[in-house]
């Protein structure tokens, strides 16, 4: 892989996170599992989004940072 190339797996995970952020109802689909994420940071973000959306919390950048920090 070239030095400046992007890991396609990481890129796919970031795109999935973006979709989950925009539509948290995707967490309820049978195809979704946090185990889809291989990158631990992406997995943490997905878990935080799921926690915030399931608790009817506000989905904002600030709330996401606070949840991931826990």
PDB file of N, CA and C in Angstrom:
ATOM      1  N   UNK A   1       0.845  -1.173   0.000  1.00  0.00           N
ATOM      2  CA  UNK A   1       0.000   0.000   0.000  1.00  0.00           C
ATOM      3  C   UNK A   1       0.892   1.238   0.000  1.00  0.00           C
ATOM      4  N   UNK A   2       0.548   2.230  -0.773  1.00  0.00           N
ATOM      5  CA  UNK A   2       1.321   3.459  -0.826  1.00  0.00           C
ATOM      6  C   UNK A   2       1.216   4.207   0.493  1.00  0.00           C
ATOM      7  N   UNK A   3       2.232   4.990   0.755  1.00  0.00           N
ATOM      8  CA  UNK A   3       2.307   5.693   2.039  1.00  0.00           C
ATOM      9  C   UNK A   3       1.133   6.638   2.268  1.00  0.00           C
ATOM     10  N   UNK A   4       0.647   7.282   1.222  1.00  0.00           N
ATOM     11  CA  UNK A   4      -0.434   8.263   1.363  1.00  0.00           C
ATOM     12  C   UNK A   4      -1.816   7.683   1.114  1.00  0.00           C
ATOM     13  N   UNK A   5      -1.907   6.388   0.875  1.00  0.00           N
ATOM     14  CA  UNK A   5      -3.216   5.811   0.591  1.00  0.00           C
ATOM     15  C   UNK A   5      -4.001   5.595   1.887  1.00  0.00           C
ATOM     16  N   UNK A   6      -5.292   5.563   1.729  1.00  0.00           N
ATOM     17  CA  UNK A   6      -6.193   5.388   2.861  1.00  0.00           C
ATOM     18  C   UNK A   6      -6.582   3.923   2.954  1.00  0.00           C
ATOM     19  N   UNK A   7      -6.596   3.406   4.163  1.00  0.00           N
ATOM     20  CA  UNK A   7      -7.016   2.022   4.388  1.00  0.00           C
ATOM     21  C   UNK A   7      -8.496   1.901   4.007  1.00  0.00           C
ATOM     22  N   UNK A   8      -8.833   1.045   3.053  1.00  0.00           N
ATOM     23  CA  UNK A   8     -10.227   0.946   2.612  1.00  0.00           C
ATOM     24  C   UNK A   8     -11.169   0.450   3.710  1.00  0.00           C
ATOM     25  N   UNK A   9     -10.681  -0.373   4.628  1.00  0.00           N
ATOM     26  CA  UNK A   9     -11.524  -0.850   5.732  1.00  0.00           C
ATOM     27  C   UNK A   9     -11.870   0.318   6.655  1.00  0.00           C
ATOM     28  N   UNK A  10     -10.869   1.118   6.989  1.00  0.00           N
ATOM     29  CA  UNK A  10     -11.105   2.277   7.849  1.00  0.00           C
ATOM     30  C   UNK A  10     -12.045   3.268   7.164  1.00  0.00           C
ATOM     31  N   UNK A  11     -11.860   3.477   5.887  1.00  0.00           N
ATOM     32  CA  UNK A  11     -12.739   4.374   5.140  1.00  0.00           C
ATOM     33  C   UNK A  11     -14.184   3.877   5.179  1.00  0.00           C
ATOM     34  N   UNK A  12     -14.385   2.573   5.015  1.00  0.00           N
ATOM     35  CA  UNK A  12     -15.733   1.998   5.079  1.00  0.00           C
ATOM     36  C   UNK A  12     -16.336   2.174   6.469  1.00  0.00           C
ATOM     37  N   UNK A  13     -15.521   2.000   7.503  1.00  0.00           N
ATOM     38  CA  UNK A  13     -16.016   2.173   8.863  1.00  0.00           C
ATOM     39  C   UNK A  13     -16.418   3.622   9.127  1.00  0.00           C
ATOM     40  N   UNK A  14     -15.639   4.556   8.632  1.00  0.00           N
ATOM     41  CA  UNK A  14     -15.966   5.978   8.812  1.00  0.00           C
ATOM     42  C   UNK A  14     -17.267   6.308   8.078  1.00  0.00           C
ATOM     43  N   UNK A  15     -17.442   5.741   6.909  1.00  0.00           N
ATOM     44  CA  UNK A  15     -18.687   5.974   6.163  1.00  0.00           C
ATOM     45  C   UNK A  15     -19.886   5.375   6.890  1.00  0.00           C
ATOM     46  N   UNK A  16     -19.711   4.204   7.474  1.00  0.00           N
ATOM     47  CA  UNK A  16     -20.785   3.597   8.253  1.00  0.00           C
ATOM     48  C   UNK A  16     -21.110   4.453   9.472  1.00  0.00           C
ATOM     49  N   UNK A  17     -20.087   4.975  10.137  1.00  0.00           N
ATOM     50  CA  UNK A  17     -20.324   5.860  11.285  1.00  0.00           C
ATOM     51  C   UNK A  17     -21.122   7.098  10.871  1.00  0.00           C
ATOM     52  N   UNK A  18     -20.783   7.656   9.727  1.00  0.00           N
ATOM     53  CA  UNK A  18     -21.508   8.830   9.234  1.00  0.00           C
ATOM     54  C   UNK A  18     -22.977   8.492   9.016  1.00  0.00           C
ATOM     55  N   UNK A  19     -23.247   7.309   8.456  1.00  0.00           N
ATOM     56  CA  UNK A  19     -24.638   6.901   8.242  1.00  0.00           C
ATOM     57  C   UNK A  19     -25.363   6.649   9.558  1.00  0.00           C
ATOM     58  N   UNK A  20     -24.668   6.060  10.525  1.00  0.00           N
ATOM     59  CA  UNK A  20     -25.282   5.836  11.839  1.00  0.00           C
ATOM     60  C   UNK A  20     -25.580   7.160  12.533  1.00  0.00           C
ATOM     61  N   UNK A  21     -24.718   8.125  12.380  1.00  0.00           N
ATOM     62  CA  UNK A  21     -24.917   9.448  12.975  1.00  0.00           C
ATOM     63  C   UNK A  21     -26.158  10.111  12.381  1.00  0.00           C
ATOM     64  N   UNK A  22     -26.296   9.987  11.062  1.00  0.00           N
ATOM     65  CA  UNK A  22     -27.432  10.610  10.376  1.00  0.00           C
ATOM     66  C   UNK A  22     -28.742   9.864  10.605  1.00  0.00           C
ATOM     67  N   UNK A  23     -28.644   8.546  10.812  1.00  0.00           N
ATOM     68  CA  UNK A  23     -29.847   7.738  10.970  1.00  0.00           C
ATOM     69  C   UNK A  23     -29.621   6.690  12.061  1.00  0.00           C
ATOM     70  N   UNK A  24     -29.757   7.062  13.336  1.00  0.00           N
ATOM     71  CA  UNK A  24     -29.524   6.126  14.435  1.00  0.00           C
ATOM     72  C   UNK A  24     -30.456   4.919  14.438  1.00  0.00           C
ATOM     73  N   UNK A  25     -31.547   4.957  13.673  1.00  0.00           N
ATOM     74  CA  UNK A  25     -32.440   3.800  13.583  1.00  0.00           C
ATOM     75  C   UNK A  25     -31.745   2.591  12.964  1.00  0.00           C
ATOM     76  N   UNK A  26     -30.629   2.816  12.295  1.00  0.00           N
ATOM     77  CA  UNK A  26     -29.879   1.701  11.709  1.00  0.00           C
ATOM     78  C   UNK A  26     -29.362   0.746  12.780  1.00  0.00           C
ATOM     79  N   UNK A  27     -29.220   1.230  14.018  1.00  0.00           N
ATOM     80  CA  UNK A  27     -28.779   0.365  15.108  1.00  0.00           C
ATOM     81  C   UNK A  27     -29.777  -0.770  15.353  1.00  0.00           C
ATOM     82  N   UNK A  28     -31.021  -0.542  14.993  1.00  0.00           N
ATOM     83  CA  UNK A  28     -32.070  -1.520  15.250  1.00  0.00           C
ATOM     84  C   UNK A  28     -32.233  -2.547  14.133  1.00  0.00           C
ATOM     85  N   UNK A  29     -31.466  -2.406  13.057  1.00  0.00           N
ATOM     86  CA  UNK A  29     -31.594  -3.370  11.969  1.00  0.00           C
ATOM     87  C   UNK A  29     -30.842  -4.650  12.324  1.00  0.00           C
ATOM     88  N   UNK A  30     -31.353  -5.789  11.896  1.00  0.00           N
ATOM     89  CA  UNK A  30     -30.704  -7.061  12.239  1.00  0.00           C
ATOM     90  C   UNK A  30     -29.304  -7.208  11.635  1.00  0.00           C
ATOM     91  N   UNK A  31     -29.014  -6.474  10.578  1.00  0.00           N
ATOM     92  CA  UNK A  31     -27.703  -6.570   9.936  1.00  0.00           C
ATOM     93  C   UNK A  31     -26.611  -5.852  10.716  1.00  0.00           C
ATOM     94  N   UNK A  32     -26.994  -4.941  11.623  1.00  0.00           N
ATOM     95  CA  UNK A  32     -26.004  -4.142  12.346  1.00  0.00           C
ATOM     96  C   UNK A  32     -25.509  -4.869  13.591  1.00  0.00           C
ATOM     97  N   UNK A  33     -24.219  -4.746  13.822  1.00  0.00           N
ATOM     98  CA  UNK A  33     -23.588  -5.218  15.042  1.00  0.00           C
ATOM     99  C   UNK A  33     -22.336  -4.378  15.261  1.00  0.00           C
ATOM    100  N   UNK A  34     -22.039  -4.067  16.501  1.00  0.00           N
ATOM    101  CA  UNK A  34     -20.831  -3.298  16.791  1.00  0.00           C
ATOM    102  C   UNK A  34     -19.588  -4.091  16.372  1.00  0.00           C
ATOM    103  N   UNK A  35     -19.743  -5.388  16.219  1.00  0.00           N
ATOM    104  CA  UNK A  35     -18.633  -6.228  15.781  1.00  0.00           C
ATOM    105  C   UNK A  35     -18.262  -5.997  14.316  1.00  0.00           C
ATOM    106  N   UNK A  36     -19.054  -5.220  13.594  1.00  0.00           N
ATOM    107  CA  UNK A  36     -18.695  -4.854  12.232  1.00  0.00           C
ATOM    108  C   UNK A  36     -17.429  -4.002  12.206  1.00  0.00           C
ATOM    109  N   UNK A  37     -17.163  -3.314  13.306  1.00  0.00           N
ATOM    110  CA  UNK A  37     -16.018  -2.417  13.386  1.00  0.00           C
ATOM    111  C   UNK A  37     -14.783  -3.158  13.860  1.00  0.00           C
ATOM    112  N   UNK A  38     -13.705  -3.015  13.115  1.00  0.00           N
ATOM    113  CA  UNK A  38     -12.426  -3.613  13.500  1.00  0.00           C
ATOM    114  C   UNK A  38     -11.557  -2.596  14.243  1.00  0.00           C
ATOM    115  N   UNK A  39     -11.692  -1.332  13.868  1.00  0.00           N
ATOM    116  CA  UNK A  39     -10.916  -0.269  14.496  1.00  0.00           C
ATOM    117  C   UNK A  39     -11.537   0.062  15.855  1.00  0.00           C
ATOM    118  N   UNK A  40     -10.729   0.045  16.908  1.00  0.00           N
ATOM    119  CA  UNK A  40     -11.276   0.248  18.260  1.00  0.00           C
ATOM    120  C   UNK A  40     -11.846   1.649  18.438  1.00  0.00           C
ATOM    121  N   UNK A  41     -11.246   2.642  17.800  1.00  0.00           N
ATOM    122  CA  UNK A  41     -11.769   3.999  17.930  1.00  0.00           C
ATOM    123  C   UNK A  41     -13.137   4.106  17.256  1.00  0.00           C
ATOM    124  N   UNK A  42     -13.275   3.536  16.075  1.00  0.00           N
ATOM    125  CA  UNK A  42     -14.571   3.547  15.387  1.00  0.00           C
ATOM    126  C   UNK A  42     -15.609   2.786  16.193  1.00  0.00           C
ATOM    127  N   UNK A  43     -15.190   1.687  16.799  1.00  0.00           N
ATOM    128  CA  UNK A  43     -16.102   0.896  17.630  1.00  0.00           C
ATOM    129  C   UNK A  43     -16.573   1.725  18.821  1.00  0.00           C
ATOM    130  N   UNK A  44     -15.682   2.511  19.425  1.00  0.00           N
ATOM    131  CA  UNK A  44     -16.048   3.378  20.556  1.00  0.00           C
ATOM    132  C   UNK A  44     -17.056   4.437  20.139  1.00  0.00           C
ATOM    133  N   UNK A  45     -16.832   5.011  18.979  1.00  0.00           N
ATOM    134  CA  UNK A  45     -17.751   6.042  18.485  1.00  0.00           C
ATOM    135  C   UNK A  45     -19.118   5.434  18.197  1.00  0.00           C
ATOM    136  N   UNK A  46     -19.151   4.274  17.563  1.00  0.00           N
ATOM    137  CA  UNK A  46     -20.428   3.614  17.268  1.00  0.00           C
ATOM    138  C   UNK A  46     -21.177   3.295  18.549  1.00  0.00           C
ATOM    139  N   UNK A  47     -20.472   2.811  19.547  1.00  0.00           N
ATOM    140  CA  UNK A  47     -21.093   2.501  20.833  1.00  0.00           C
ATOM    141  C   UNK A  47     -21.641   3.765  21.491  1.00  0.00           C
ATOM    142  N   UNK A  48     -20.895   4.855  21.394  1.00  0.00           N
ATOM    143  CA  UNK A  48     -21.344   6.127  21.977  1.00  0.00           C
ATOM    144  C   UNK A  48     -22.589   6.646  21.265  1.00  0.00           C
ATOM    145  N   UNK A  49     -22.611   6.573  19.948  1.00  0.00           N
ATOM    146  CA  UNK A  49     -23.792   7.017  19.198  1.00  0.00           C
ATOM    147  C   UNK A  49     -25.002   6.176  19.585  1.00  0.00           C
ATOM    148  N   UNK A  50     -24.789   4.870  19.692  1.00  0.00           N
ATOM    149  CA  UNK A  50     -25.880   3.969  20.068  1.00  0.00           C
ATOM    150  C   UNK A  50     -26.393   4.304  21.469  1.00  0.00           C
ATOM    151  N   UNK A  51     -25.495   4.522  22.401  1.00  0.00           N
ATOM    152  CA  UNK A  51     -25.881   4.858  23.772  1.00  0.00           C
ATOM    153  C   UNK A  51     -26.674   6.152  23.812  1.00  0.00           C
ATOM    154  N   UNK A  52     -26.186   7.173  23.116  1.00  0.00           N
ATOM    155  CA  UNK A  52     -26.876   8.462  23.112  1.00  0.00           C
ATOM    156  C   UNK A  52     -28.250   8.366  22.461  1.00  0.00           C
ATOM    157  N   UNK A  53     -28.327   7.669  21.342  1.00  0.00           N
ATOM    158  CA  UNK A  53     -29.617   7.606  20.647  1.00  0.00           C
ATOM    159  C   UNK A  53     -30.620   6.737  21.382  1.00  0.00           C
ATOM    160  N   UNK A  54     -30.159   5.672  22.029  1.00  0.00           N
ATOM    161  CA  UNK A  54     -31.096   4.808  22.747  1.00  0.00           C
ATOM    162  C   UNK A  54     -31.583   5.436  24.053  1.00  0.00           C
ATOM    163  N   UNK A  55     -30.813   6.363  24.587  1.00  0.00           N
ATOM    164  CA  UNK A  55     -31.246   7.048  25.804  1.00  0.00           C
ATOM    165  C   UNK A  55     -31.965   8.358  25.479  1.00  0.00           C
ATOM    166  N   UNK A  56     -32.296   8.525  24.190  1.00  0.00           N
ATOM    167  CA  UNK A  56     -32.952   9.749  23.715  1.00  0.00           C
ATOM    168  C   UNK A  56     -32.144  10.995  24.044  1.00  0.00           C
ATOM    169  N   UNK A  57     -30.838  10.813  24.132  1.00  0.00           N
ATOM    170  CA  UNK A  57     -29.953  11.940  24.384  1.00  0.00           C
ATOM    171  C   UNK A  57     -29.760  12.760  23.125  1.00  0.00           C
ATOM    172  N   UNK A  58     -29.249  13.927  23.312  1.00  0.00           N
ATOM    173  CA  UNK A  58     -28.989  14.831  22.204  1.00  0.00           C
ATOM    174  C   UNK A  58     -27.771  14.336  21.429  1.00  0.00           C
ATOM    175  N   UNK A  59     -27.930  14.154  20.142  1.00  0.00           N
ATOM    176  CA  UNK A  59     -26.804  13.773  19.299  1.00  0.00           C
ATOM    177  C   UNK A  59     -26.132  15.043  18.804  1.00  0.00           C
ATOM    178  N   UNK A  60     -25.065  15.393  19.465  1.00  0.00           N
ATOM    179  CA  UNK A  60     -24.279  16.548  19.053  1.00  0.00           C
ATOM    180  C   UNK A  60     -22.815  16.175  19.168  1.00  0.00           C
ATOM    181  N   UNK A  61     -21.984  16.983  18.589  1.00  0.00           N
ATOM    182  CA  UNK A  61     -20.544  16.730  18.666  1.00  0.00           C
ATOM    183  C   UNK A  61     -20.080  16.710  20.114  1.00  0.00           C
ATOM    184  N   UNK A  62     -20.580  17.640  20.904  1.00  0.00           N
ATOM    185  CA  UNK A  62     -20.184  17.718  22.310  1.00  0.00           C
ATOM    186  C   UNK A  62     -20.614  16.487  23.091  1.00  0.00           C
ATOM    187  N   UNK A  63     -21.855  16.064  22.903  1.00  0.00           N
ATOM    188  CA  UNK A  63     -22.331  14.885  23.628  1.00  0.00           C
ATOM    189  C   UNK A  63     -21.584  13.630  23.190  1.00  0.00           C
ATOM    190  N   UNK A  64     -21.225  13.575  21.924  1.00  0.00           N
ATOM    191  CA  UNK A  64     -20.470  12.428  21.417  1.00  0.00           C
ATOM    192  C   UNK A  64     -19.084  12.381  22.071  1.00  0.00           C
ATOM    193  N   UNK A  65     -18.403  13.517  22.118  1.00  0.00           N
ATOM    194  CA  UNK A  65     -17.087  13.580  22.775  1.00  0.00           C
ATOM    195  C   UNK A  65     -17.173  13.146  24.239  1.00  0.00           C
ATOM    196  N   UNK A  66     -18.193  13.612  24.925  1.00  0.00           N
ATOM    197  CA  UNK A  66     -18.334  13.260  26.332  1.00  0.00           C
ATOM    198  C   UNK A  66     -18.611  11.767  26.513  1.00  0.00           C
ATOM    199  N   UNK A  67     -19.439  11.201  25.653  1.00  0.00           N
ATOM    200  CA  UNK A  67     -19.760   9.769  25.765  1.00  0.00           C
ATOM    201  C   UNK A  67     -18.559   8.890  25.435  1.00  0.00           C
ATOM    202  N   UNK A  68     -17.797   9.270  24.427  1.00  0.00           N
ATOM    203  CA  UNK A  68     -16.607   8.493  24.057  1.00  0.00           C
ATOM    204  C   UNK A  68     -15.567   8.578  25.171  1.00  0.00           C
ATOM    205  N   UNK A  69     -15.496   9.718  25.829  1.00  0.00           N
ATOM    206  CA  UNK A  69     -14.511   9.909  26.908  1.00  0.00           C
ATOM    207  C   UNK A  69     -14.817   9.018  28.112  1.00  0.00           C
ATOM    208  N   UNK A  70     -16.075   8.609  28.274  1.00  0.00           N
ATOM    209  CA  UNK A  70     -16.437   7.757  29.404  1.00  0.00           C
ATOM    210  C   UNK A  70     -15.751   6.446  29.231  1.00  0.00           C
TER     211      UNK A  70
END
